[in-house]
């Protein structure tokens, strides 16, 4: 088994000493290793990676924000990541960003309302984003031209389009009650199918 496979196996199984040995041998963790350690809540292994020079704010990939986004379902891990330098408004190439208001995040960065609706987050989360000033009728990526041009052909729309695609009646009702305009077309000229 090569170093890459050994590291992957050691991280997956939370084997601190094996990870330490591999780092001492010159092995470098991949983004997949770092994300696995986040999901395992392997703080000692994460600490090893950071001490070895891993960039906590590096994008997972071009259309996905840095690894902090994998910690958001767990407050302890989220706090640990921020305490170790994770930036809540770090962006990816397409302008997506996860949000952490208590740490200074803003609804003005990325598309938090669109993605919260797309991933069917709890209505309280959607309402929080709206209360913080997220634009309910903004077409996705309209504030980030490079991303809009990249995804325009897919029919990006307002948050109501996202709720309609998932046929989530509760989110549709919530968005309409908060002023969502069903007459706004997506980038292909289609209205949300309510």
C-alpha atoms as a PDB file:
ATOM      1  CA  UNK A   1       0.000   0.000   0.000  1.00  0.00           C
ATOM      2  CA  UNK A   2       1.474   3.401  -0.970  1.00  0.00           C
ATOM      3  CA  UNK A   3       1.589   6.485   1.288  1.00  0.00           C
ATOM      4  CA  UNK A   4      -1.557   7.918  -0.279  1.00  0.00           C
ATOM      5  CA  UNK A   5      -3.594   4.803   0.492  1.00  0.00           C
ATOM      6  CA  UNK A   6      -2.036   4.415   3.946  1.00  0.00           C
ATOM      7  CA  UNK A   7      -2.929   8.031   4.807  1.00  0.00           C
ATOM      8  CA  UNK A   8      -6.474   7.596   3.553  1.00  0.00           C
ATOM      9  CA  UNK A   9      -6.900   4.419   5.630  1.00  0.00           C
ATOM     10  CA  UNK A  10      -5.294   5.932   8.756  1.00  0.00           C
ATOM     11  CA  UNK A  11      -7.461   9.054   8.657  1.00  0.00           C
ATOM     12  CA  UNK A  12     -10.636   7.086   8.005  1.00  0.00           C
ATOM     13  CA  UNK A  13      -9.862   4.911  11.045  1.00  0.00           C
ATOM     14  CA  UNK A  14      -8.694   7.811  13.235  1.00  0.00           C
ATOM     15  CA  UNK A  15      -5.211   6.324  13.674  1.00  0.00           C
ATOM     16  CA  UNK A  16      -3.282   9.298  15.057  1.00  0.00           C
ATOM     17  CA  UNK A  17       0.119   7.575  15.355  1.00  0.00           C
ATOM     18  CA  UNK A  18      -0.031   6.201  11.809  1.00  0.00           C
ATOM     19  CA  UNK A  19      -0.901   9.670  10.468  1.00  0.00           C
ATOM     20  CA  UNK A  20       1.988  11.158  12.464  1.00  0.00           C
ATOM     21  CA  UNK A  21       4.386   8.525  11.094  1.00  0.00           C
ATOM     22  CA  UNK A  22       3.219   9.181   7.533  1.00  0.00           C
ATOM     23  CA  UNK A  23       3.678  12.932   7.913  1.00  0.00           C
ATOM     24  CA  UNK A  24       7.171  12.326   9.309  1.00  0.00           C
ATOM     25  CA  UNK A  25       7.888  10.195   6.221  1.00  0.00           C
ATOM     26  CA  UNK A  26       6.913  13.157   4.019  1.00  0.00           C
ATOM     27  CA  UNK A  27       3.377  12.146   3.079  1.00  0.00           C
ATOM     28  CA  UNK A  28       0.982  15.036   2.489  1.00  0.00           C
ATOM     29  CA  UNK A  29      -2.723  14.914   3.326  1.00  0.00           C
ATOM     30  CA  UNK A  30      -5.219  15.428   0.527  1.00  0.00           C
ATOM     31  CA  UNK A  31      -8.377  17.514   0.768  1.00  0.00           C
ATOM     32  CA  UNK A  32     -10.274  14.226   1.067  1.00  0.00           C
ATOM     33  CA  UNK A  33      -8.163  13.314   4.108  1.00  0.00           C
ATOM     34  CA  UNK A  34      -8.828  16.693   5.713  1.00  0.00           C
ATOM     35  CA  UNK A  35     -12.580  16.466   5.105  1.00  0.00           C
ATOM     36  CA  UNK A  36     -12.632  12.894   6.468  1.00  0.00           C
ATOM     37  CA  UNK A  37     -10.902  14.105   9.639  1.00  0.00           C
ATOM     38  CA  UNK A  38     -13.541  16.847   9.977  1.00  0.00           C
ATOM     39  CA  UNK A  39     -16.339  14.328   9.583  1.00  0.00           C
ATOM     40  CA  UNK A  40     -14.674  12.065  12.176  1.00  0.00           C
ATOM     41  CA  UNK A  41     -14.179  15.019  14.543  1.00  0.00           C
ATOM     42  CA  UNK A  42     -10.522  13.949  14.667  1.00  0.00           C
ATOM     43  CA  UNK A  43      -9.206  17.197  16.123  1.00  0.00           C
ATOM     44  CA  UNK A  44      -5.717  15.810  16.890  1.00  0.00           C
ATOM     45  CA  UNK A  45      -5.328  14.668  13.276  1.00  0.00           C
ATOM     46  CA  UNK A  46      -6.631  17.997  11.982  1.00  0.00           C
ATOM     47  CA  UNK A  47      -4.076  19.709  14.228  1.00  0.00           C
ATOM     48  CA  UNK A  48      -1.324  17.543  12.719  1.00  0.00           C
ATOM     49  CA  UNK A  49      -2.410  18.509   9.208  1.00  0.00           C
ATOM     50  CA  UNK A  50      -2.482  22.214  10.038  1.00  0.00           C
ATOM     51  CA  UNK A  51       0.933  22.029  11.718  1.00  0.00           C
ATOM     52  CA  UNK A  52       2.211  20.336   8.561  1.00  0.00           C
ATOM     53  CA  UNK A  53       1.065  23.335   6.490  1.00  0.00           C
ATOM     54  CA  UNK A  54      -2.377  22.300   5.264  1.00  0.00           C
ATOM     55  CA  UNK A  55      -4.411  25.394   4.257  1.00  0.00           C
ATOM     56  CA  UNK A  56      -7.684  25.328   6.204  1.00  0.00           C
ATOM     57  CA  UNK A  57      -9.179  27.862   3.765  1.00  0.00           C
ATOM     58  CA  UNK A  58      -8.292  26.050   0.548  1.00  0.00           C
ATOM     59  CA  UNK A  59     -11.314  25.357  -1.658  1.00  0.00           C
ATOM     60  CA  UNK A  60     -12.551  21.789  -1.670  1.00  0.00           C
ATOM     61  CA  UNK A  61     -13.013  22.232  -5.431  1.00  0.00           C
ATOM     62  CA  UNK A  62     -13.845  25.126  -7.750  1.00  0.00           C
ATOM     63  CA  UNK A  63     -17.576  25.049  -7.114  1.00  0.00           C
ATOM     64  CA  UNK A  64     -17.487  24.261  -3.393  1.00  0.00           C
ATOM     65  CA  UNK A  65     -16.289  26.364  -0.474  1.00  0.00           C
ATOM     66  CA  UNK A  66     -13.419  25.550   1.900  1.00  0.00           C
ATOM     67  CA  UNK A  67     -13.659  22.645   4.381  1.00  0.00           C
ATOM     68  CA  UNK A  68     -15.459  24.707   7.035  1.00  0.00           C
ATOM     69  CA  UNK A  69     -18.613  23.912   5.073  1.00  0.00           C
ATOM     70  CA  UNK A  70     -18.301  20.275   6.215  1.00  0.00           C
ATOM     71  CA  UNK A  71     -18.329  21.321   9.871  1.00  0.00           C
ATOM     72  CA  UNK A  72     -21.524  23.365   9.901  1.00  0.00           C
ATOM     73  CA  UNK A  73     -23.759  20.575  11.171  1.00  0.00           C
ATOM     74  CA  UNK A  74     -21.705  20.314  14.359  1.00  0.00           C
ATOM     75  CA  UNK A  75     -21.158  23.359  16.593  1.00  0.00           C
ATOM     76  CA  UNK A  76     -18.082  21.938  18.344  1.00  0.00           C
ATOM     77  CA  UNK A  77     -16.325  21.257  15.044  1.00  0.00           C
ATOM     78  CA  UNK A  78     -17.387  24.619  13.627  1.00  0.00           C
ATOM     79  CA  UNK A  79     -15.943  26.444  16.638  1.00  0.00           C
ATOM     80  CA  UNK A  80     -12.742  24.404  16.427  1.00  0.00           C
ATOM     81  CA  UNK A  81     -12.320  25.219  12.744  1.00  0.00           C
ATOM     82  CA  UNK A  82     -12.828  28.953  13.287  1.00  0.00           C
ATOM     83  CA  UNK A  83     -10.465  28.946  16.277  1.00  0.00           C
ATOM     84  CA  UNK A  84      -7.855  27.389  13.975  1.00  0.00           C
ATOM     85  CA  UNK A  85      -8.185  29.988  11.226  1.00  0.00           C
ATOM     86  CA  UNK A  86     -11.157  28.955   9.085  1.00  0.00           C
ATOM     87  CA  UNK A  87     -12.708  32.055   7.507  1.00  0.00           C
ATOM     88  CA  UNK A  88     -16.528  32.066   7.492  1.00  0.00           C
ATOM     89  CA  UNK A  89     -16.718  34.215   4.339  1.00  0.00           C
ATOM     90  CA  UNK A  90     -14.067  32.365   2.329  1.00  0.00           C
ATOM     91  CA  UNK A  91     -15.351  32.016  -1.215  1.00  0.00           C
ATOM     92  CA  UNK A  92     -14.962  29.464  -3.925  1.00  0.00           C
ATOM     93  CA  UNK A  93     -14.580  30.282  -7.613  1.00  0.00           C
ATOM     94  CA  UNK A  94     -18.327  30.263  -8.194  1.00  0.00           C
ATOM     95  CA  UNK A  95     -19.039  32.521  -5.227  1.00  0.00           C
ATOM     96  CA  UNK A  96     -20.735  29.879  -3.077  1.00  0.00           C
ATOM     97  CA  UNK A  97     -20.070  30.247   0.600  1.00  0.00           C
ATOM     98  CA  UNK A  98     -21.339  28.784   3.792  1.00  0.00           C
ATOM     99  CA  UNK A  99     -22.309  31.217   6.474  1.00  0.00           C
ATOM    100  CA  UNK A 100     -21.629  31.696  10.150  1.00  0.00           C
ATOM    101  CA  UNK A 101     -23.151  34.914  11.349  1.00  0.00           C
ATOM    102  CA  UNK A 102     -21.725  34.772  14.841  1.00  0.00           C
ATOM    103  CA  UNK A 103     -18.251  34.615  13.324  1.00  0.00           C
ATOM    104  CA  UNK A 104     -18.848  37.543  10.976  1.00  0.00           C
ATOM    105  CA  UNK A 105     -20.358  35.871   7.935  1.00  0.00           C
ATOM    106  CA  UNK A 106     -22.729  37.828   5.727  1.00  0.00           C
ATOM    107  CA  UNK A 107     -25.631  36.933   3.443  1.00  0.00           C
ATOM    108  CA  UNK A 108     -23.992  39.277   0.920  1.00  0.00           C
ATOM    109  CA  UNK A 109     -21.238  36.718   0.166  1.00  0.00           C
ATOM    110  CA  UNK A 110     -22.102  33.796  -2.062  1.00  0.00           C
ATOM    111  CA  UNK A 111     -25.590  32.388  -2.444  1.00  0.00           C
ATOM    112  CA  UNK A 112     -26.514  31.188   1.066  1.00  0.00           C
ATOM    113  CA  UNK A 113     -30.290  31.492   0.628  1.00  0.00           C
ATOM    114  CA  UNK A 114     -30.276  29.640  -2.693  1.00  0.00           C
ATOM    115  CA  UNK A 115     -28.186  26.796  -1.315  1.00  0.00           C
ATOM    116  CA  UNK A 116     -30.122  26.604   1.950  1.00  0.00           C
ATOM    117  CA  UNK A 117     -33.341  26.221  -0.055  1.00  0.00           C
ATOM    118  CA  UNK A 118     -31.721  23.775  -2.512  1.00  0.00           C
ATOM    119  CA  UNK A 119     -30.560  21.572   0.362  1.00  0.00           C
ATOM    120  CA  UNK A 120     -33.925  21.935   2.109  1.00  0.00           C
ATOM    121  CA  UNK A 121     -32.523  23.354   5.317  1.00  0.00           C
ATOM    122  CA  UNK A 122     -35.003  23.880   8.167  1.00  0.00           C
ATOM    123  CA  UNK A 123     -37.478  26.721   7.736  1.00  0.00           C
ATOM    124  CA  UNK A 124     -35.916  28.465  10.747  1.00  0.00           C
ATOM    125  CA  UNK A 125     -32.614  28.607   8.842  1.00  0.00           C
ATOM    126  CA  UNK A 126     -34.317  30.044   5.755  1.00  0.00           C
ATOM    127  CA  UNK A 127     -36.116  32.617   7.897  1.00  0.00           C
ATOM    128  CA  UNK A 128     -32.845  33.558   9.613  1.00  0.00           C
ATOM    129  CA  UNK A 129     -31.216  34.202   6.229  1.00  0.00           C
ATOM    130  CA  UNK A 130     -34.168  36.340   5.194  1.00  0.00           C
ATOM    131  CA  UNK A 131     -34.068  38.236   8.484  1.00  0.00           C
ATOM    132  CA  UNK A 132     -30.345  38.870   7.932  1.00  0.00           C
ATOM    133  CA  UNK A 133     -31.120  40.492   4.578  1.00  0.00           C
ATOM    134  CA  UNK A 134     -30.778  37.733   1.984  1.00  0.00           C
ATOM    135  CA  UNK A 135     -32.457  38.812  -1.256  1.00  0.00           C
ATOM    136  CA  UNK A 136     -35.499  36.621  -1.770  1.00  0.00           C
ATOM    137  CA  UNK A 137     -35.863  37.465  -5.465  1.00  0.00           C
ATOM    138  CA  UNK A 138     -32.229  37.553  -6.557  1.00  0.00           C
ATOM    139  CA  UNK A 139     -31.434  35.211  -9.430  1.00  0.00           C
ATOM    140  CA  UNK A 140     -28.637  32.860  -8.425  1.00  0.00           C
ATOM    141  CA  UNK A 141     -25.147  34.174  -9.245  1.00  0.00           C
ATOM    142  CA  UNK A 142     -26.527  37.457 -10.618  1.00  0.00           C
ATOM    143  CA  UNK A 143     -24.062  39.167  -8.254  1.00  0.00           C
ATOM    144  CA  UNK A 144     -21.112  37.108  -9.542  1.00  0.00           C
ATOM    145  CA  UNK A 145     -20.842  37.417 -13.326  1.00  0.00           C
ATOM    146  CA  UNK A 146     -18.269  34.653 -13.918  1.00  0.00           C
ATOM    147  CA  UNK A 147     -20.448  32.137 -12.082  1.00  0.00           C
ATOM    148  CA  UNK A 148     -23.612  33.364 -13.779  1.00  0.00           C
ATOM    149  CA  UNK A 149     -22.050  32.927 -17.213  1.00  0.00           C
ATOM    150  CA  UNK A 150     -20.879  29.437 -16.259  1.00  0.00           C
ATOM    151  CA  UNK A 151     -24.267  28.252 -14.966  1.00  0.00           C
ATOM    152  CA  UNK A 152     -26.690  30.359 -17.031  1.00  0.00           C
ATOM    153  CA  UNK A 153     -27.329  27.479 -19.450  1.00  0.00           C
ATOM    154  CA  UNK A 154     -28.631  25.349 -16.565  1.00  0.00           C
ATOM    155  CA  UNK A 155     -31.488  27.700 -15.760  1.00  0.00           C
ATOM    156  CA  UNK A 156     -30.399  29.337 -12.522  1.00  0.00           C
ATOM    157  CA  UNK A 157     -33.178  31.230 -10.813  1.00  0.00           C
ATOM    158  CA  UNK A 158     -34.364  32.800  -7.590  1.00  0.00           C
ATOM    159  CA  UNK A 159     -34.712  30.793  -4.353  1.00  0.00           C
ATOM    160  CA  UNK A 160     -38.347  30.085  -5.277  1.00  0.00           C
ATOM    161  CA  UNK A 161     -37.088  28.149  -8.319  1.00  0.00           C
ATOM    162  CA  UNK A 162     -34.987  25.971  -5.993  1.00  0.00           C
ATOM    163  CA  UNK A 163     -37.959  25.262  -3.722  1.00  0.00           C
ATOM    164  CA  UNK A 164     -40.174  24.472  -6.722  1.00  0.00           C
ATOM    165  CA  UNK A 165     -37.605  22.033  -8.181  1.00  0.00           C
ATOM    166  CA  UNK A 166     -37.647  20.052  -4.944  1.00  0.00           C
ATOM    167  CA  UNK A 167     -41.448  20.335  -4.699  1.00  0.00           C
ATOM    168  CA  UNK A 168     -41.048  21.419  -1.078  1.00  0.00           C
ATOM    169  CA  UNK A 169     -44.465  22.923  -0.346  1.00  0.00           C
ATOM    170  CA  UNK A 170     -43.385  24.220   3.060  1.00  0.00           C
ATOM    171  CA  UNK A 171     -40.457  26.182   1.644  1.00  0.00           C
ATOM    172  CA  UNK A 172     -42.541  27.429  -1.289  1.00  0.00           C
ATOM    173  CA  UNK A 173     -45.155  28.724   1.151  1.00  0.00           C
ATOM    174  CA  UNK A 174     -42.494  30.315   3.381  1.00  0.00           C
ATOM    175  CA  UNK A 175     -40.804  32.075   0.460  1.00  0.00           C
ATOM    176  CA  UNK A 176     -44.102  33.342  -0.961  1.00  0.00           C
ATOM    177  CA  UNK A 177     -45.125  34.615   2.482  1.00  0.00           C
ATOM    178  CA  UNK A 178     -41.856  36.553   2.637  1.00  0.00           C
ATOM    179  CA  UNK A 179     -42.325  38.234  -0.742  1.00  0.00           C
ATOM    180  CA  UNK A 180     -40.957  35.779  -3.305  1.00  0.00           C
ATOM    181  CA  UNK A 181     -42.124  36.821  -6.773  1.00  0.00           C
ATOM    182  CA  UNK A 182     -43.302  33.834  -8.866  1.00  0.00           C
ATOM    183  CA  UNK A 183     -43.163  35.954 -12.045  1.00  0.00           C
ATOM    184  CA  UNK A 184     -39.343  36.141 -12.044  1.00  0.00           C
ATOM    185  CA  UNK A 185     -37.949  33.841 -14.748  1.00  0.00           C
ATOM    186  CA  UNK A 186     -34.780  31.796 -14.430  1.00  0.00           C
ATOM    187  CA  UNK A 187     -31.829  32.344 -16.770  1.00  0.00           C
ATOM    188  CA  UNK A 188     -33.554  30.225 -19.432  1.00  0.00           C
ATOM    189  CA  UNK A 189     -36.776  32.237 -19.229  1.00  0.00           C
ATOM    190  CA  UNK A 190     -38.762  29.668 -17.244  1.00  0.00           C
ATOM    191  CA  UNK A 191     -40.992  30.458 -14.281  1.00  0.00           C
ATOM    192  CA  UNK A 192     -40.968  28.298 -11.144  1.00  0.00           C
ATOM    193  CA  UNK A 193     -43.473  25.440 -11.418  1.00  0.00           C
ATOM    194  CA  UNK A 194     -45.458  25.843  -8.223  1.00  0.00           C
END
